[in-house]
């Protein structure tokens, strides 16, 4: 029995290069992207905290004279913001209580956008997108949260 084989001409031009690049991109582990998102946004807030700590009198003055955060007095808003900017980035990098750690940072970003620097929306949009992706999808396999969840799952199955 004879079968006819159809010979497809080899693809030329950019298509095979695009397909190869697409295949390589598909192999990037999501856990790596989640780790990079966590580390990237953590650095933004960590640096902000370090700047605040470098000159506390100036920080309180900025909260009083420039930031003018509504509801909270500057003497209270400054230490609260600094505490979140110190604690949440550490939690994000470790991947510990990760989703919970995004919430104060999302809140701070919204306050900054609405009340302090409304023209800086491109930066705030990036921050919010990273934080929301972490909140929605979790920290990924390269996190303490993932390891803890696996330990609990093993304990339940034992």
Protein backbone atom coordinates (compact mmCIF):
# COMPACT_ATOMS: atom_id res chain seq x y z
CA UNK A 1 0.00 0.00 0.00
CA UNK A 2 1.42 3.33 -1.01
CA UNK A 3 0.76 6.53 0.81
CA UNK A 4 1.27 9.92 -0.60
CA UNK A 5 3.25 12.26 1.56
CA UNK A 6 2.71 15.93 1.36
CA UNK A 7 5.87 17.92 1.50
CA UNK A 8 5.50 21.26 3.17
CA UNK A 9 7.97 23.85 2.05
CA UNK A 10 10.29 24.95 4.84
CA UNK A 11 9.21 28.13 6.54
CA UNK A 12 11.40 31.07 5.86
CA UNK A 13 11.70 34.58 7.12
CA UNK A 14 10.80 35.62 10.62
CA UNK A 15 8.14 33.00 11.36
CA UNK A 16 10.47 30.20 12.52
CA UNK A 17 12.47 32.64 14.62
CA UNK A 18 9.30 33.94 16.23
CA UNK A 19 8.07 30.40 16.88
CA UNK A 20 11.38 29.43 18.47
CA UNK A 21 11.38 32.57 20.65
CA UNK A 22 7.77 31.91 21.62
CA UNK A 23 8.67 28.35 22.61
CA UNK A 24 11.57 29.56 24.74
CA UNK A 25 9.39 32.18 26.44
CA UNK A 26 6.77 29.54 27.23
CA UNK A 27 9.43 27.62 29.17
CA UNK A 28 10.10 30.44 31.66
CA UNK A 29 8.79 29.09 34.96
CA UNK A 30 5.91 31.09 36.42
CA UNK A 31 7.52 30.71 39.85
CA UNK A 32 10.53 32.69 38.58
CA UNK A 33 8.29 35.48 37.30
CA UNK A 34 6.44 35.55 40.62
CA UNK A 35 9.73 35.78 42.51
CA UNK A 36 10.93 38.63 40.29
CA UNK A 37 7.63 40.49 40.75
CA UNK A 38 7.87 40.10 44.53
CA UNK A 39 11.50 41.25 44.63
CA UNK A 40 10.97 44.12 42.20
CA UNK A 41 8.11 45.73 44.07
CA UNK A 42 9.73 45.02 47.43
CA UNK A 43 12.75 47.12 46.44
CA UNK A 44 10.53 50.11 45.65
CA UNK A 45 9.01 50.20 49.12
CA UNK A 46 12.21 49.17 50.95
CA UNK A 47 14.13 52.09 49.41
CA UNK A 48 11.35 54.45 50.40
CA UNK A 49 11.60 53.26 54.00
CA UNK A 50 15.38 53.70 54.00
CA UNK A 51 14.96 57.28 52.77
CA UNK A 52 12.47 57.99 55.55
CA UNK A 53 14.79 56.54 58.18
CA UNK A 54 17.78 58.53 56.95
CA UNK A 55 16.26 61.77 58.23
CA UNK A 56 13.25 61.28 60.47
CA UNK A 57 12.64 65.00 61.12
CA UNK A 58 12.52 65.63 57.38
CA UNK A 59 10.18 62.63 56.96
CA UNK A 60 7.67 64.00 59.46
CA UNK A 61 7.95 67.44 57.85
CA UNK A 62 7.23 65.90 54.43
CA UNK A 63 4.17 64.13 55.79
CA UNK A 64 3.01 67.43 57.34
CA UNK A 65 3.85 69.88 54.53
CA UNK A 66 3.91 67.94 51.25
CA UNK A 67 2.13 64.59 51.56
CA UNK A 68 -0.73 65.87 53.72
CA UNK A 69 -2.25 62.42 54.11
CA UNK A 70 -5.90 62.87 55.11
CA UNK A 71 -7.30 61.66 58.45
CA UNK A 72 -3.97 60.73 60.10
CA UNK A 73 -1.69 63.32 61.70
CA UNK A 74 1.84 63.34 60.22
CA UNK A 75 3.35 62.12 63.50
CA UNK A 76 1.24 58.97 63.16
CA UNK A 77 1.19 58.56 59.36
CA UNK A 78 4.99 58.66 59.03
CA UNK A 79 5.77 55.76 61.40
CA UNK A 80 2.87 53.67 60.09
CA UNK A 81 4.00 54.12 56.47
CA UNK A 82 7.61 53.41 57.40
CA UNK A 83 6.69 50.28 59.36
CA UNK A 84 4.75 48.90 56.38
CA UNK A 85 7.59 49.82 54.02
CA UNK A 86 10.03 47.92 56.22
CA UNK A 87 7.96 44.84 57.04
CA UNK A 88 6.02 44.13 53.85
CA UNK A 89 9.02 44.03 51.47
CA UNK A 90 10.75 41.49 53.71
CA UNK A 91 7.59 39.35 53.70
CA UNK A 92 7.31 39.67 49.92
CA UNK A 93 10.91 38.62 49.28
CA UNK A 94 10.59 35.66 51.64
CA UNK A 95 7.20 34.78 50.22
CA UNK A 96 5.75 34.66 53.73
CA UNK A 97 2.18 35.87 54.33
CA UNK A 98 2.65 37.20 50.84
CA UNK A 99 -0.91 38.00 49.87
CA UNK A 100 -1.49 39.71 53.19
CA UNK A 101 1.69 41.78 52.72
CA UNK A 102 0.38 43.18 49.43
CA UNK A 103 -2.69 44.76 51.03
CA UNK A 104 -1.03 47.63 52.96
CA UNK A 105 1.20 48.36 49.97
CA UNK A 106 -1.79 48.51 47.62
CA UNK A 107 -3.50 50.83 50.11
CA UNK A 108 -0.43 53.04 50.36
CA UNK A 109 -0.13 53.18 46.58
CA UNK A 110 -3.75 54.27 46.27
CA UNK A 111 -3.31 56.96 48.92
CA UNK A 112 -0.16 58.23 47.22
CA UNK A 113 -1.91 58.25 43.84
CA UNK A 114 -5.11 59.94 44.99
CA UNK A 115 -3.85 62.40 47.58
CA UNK A 116 -0.12 62.97 47.16
CA UNK A 117 1.21 62.53 43.61
CA UNK A 118 -1.72 62.10 41.20
CA UNK A 119 0.45 62.83 38.16
CA UNK A 120 2.72 59.88 38.96
CA UNK A 121 0.09 57.41 37.80
CA UNK A 122 2.42 55.49 35.42
CA UNK A 123 4.63 54.43 38.33
CA UNK A 124 1.66 53.70 40.54
CA UNK A 125 0.04 51.67 37.78
CA UNK A 126 3.14 49.46 37.58
CA UNK A 127 3.28 49.08 41.37
CA UNK A 128 -0.41 48.22 41.54
CA UNK A 129 -0.17 45.73 38.66
CA UNK A 130 2.70 43.89 40.36
CA UNK A 131 0.98 43.88 43.74
CA UNK A 132 -2.35 42.75 42.27
CA UNK A 133 -0.67 39.95 40.33
CA UNK A 134 0.93 38.72 43.56
CA UNK A 135 -2.37 39.06 45.42
CA UNK A 136 -4.31 37.25 42.69
CA UNK A 137 -1.86 34.45 41.85
CA UNK A 138 0.11 34.10 45.06
CA UNK A 139 3.84 34.06 45.64
CA UNK A 140 4.63 30.97 43.57
CA UNK A 141 6.64 27.85 44.28
CA UNK A 142 9.78 29.78 45.29
CA UNK A 143 8.28 31.01 48.55
CA UNK A 144 7.93 30.10 52.19
CA UNK A 145 4.14 30.20 51.76
CA UNK A 146 4.42 27.40 49.19
CA UNK A 147 6.69 25.34 51.45
CA UNK A 148 4.37 25.80 54.42
CA UNK A 149 1.36 24.82 52.33
CA UNK A 150 3.17 21.65 51.22
CA UNK A 151 4.00 20.76 54.82
CA UNK A 152 0.36 21.17 55.82
CA UNK A 153 -0.77 19.10 52.85
CA UNK A 154 1.67 16.32 53.81
CA UNK A 155 0.47 16.44 57.40
CA UNK A 156 -3.15 16.05 56.34
CA UNK A 157 -2.39 13.12 54.04
CA UNK A 158 -0.32 11.29 56.66
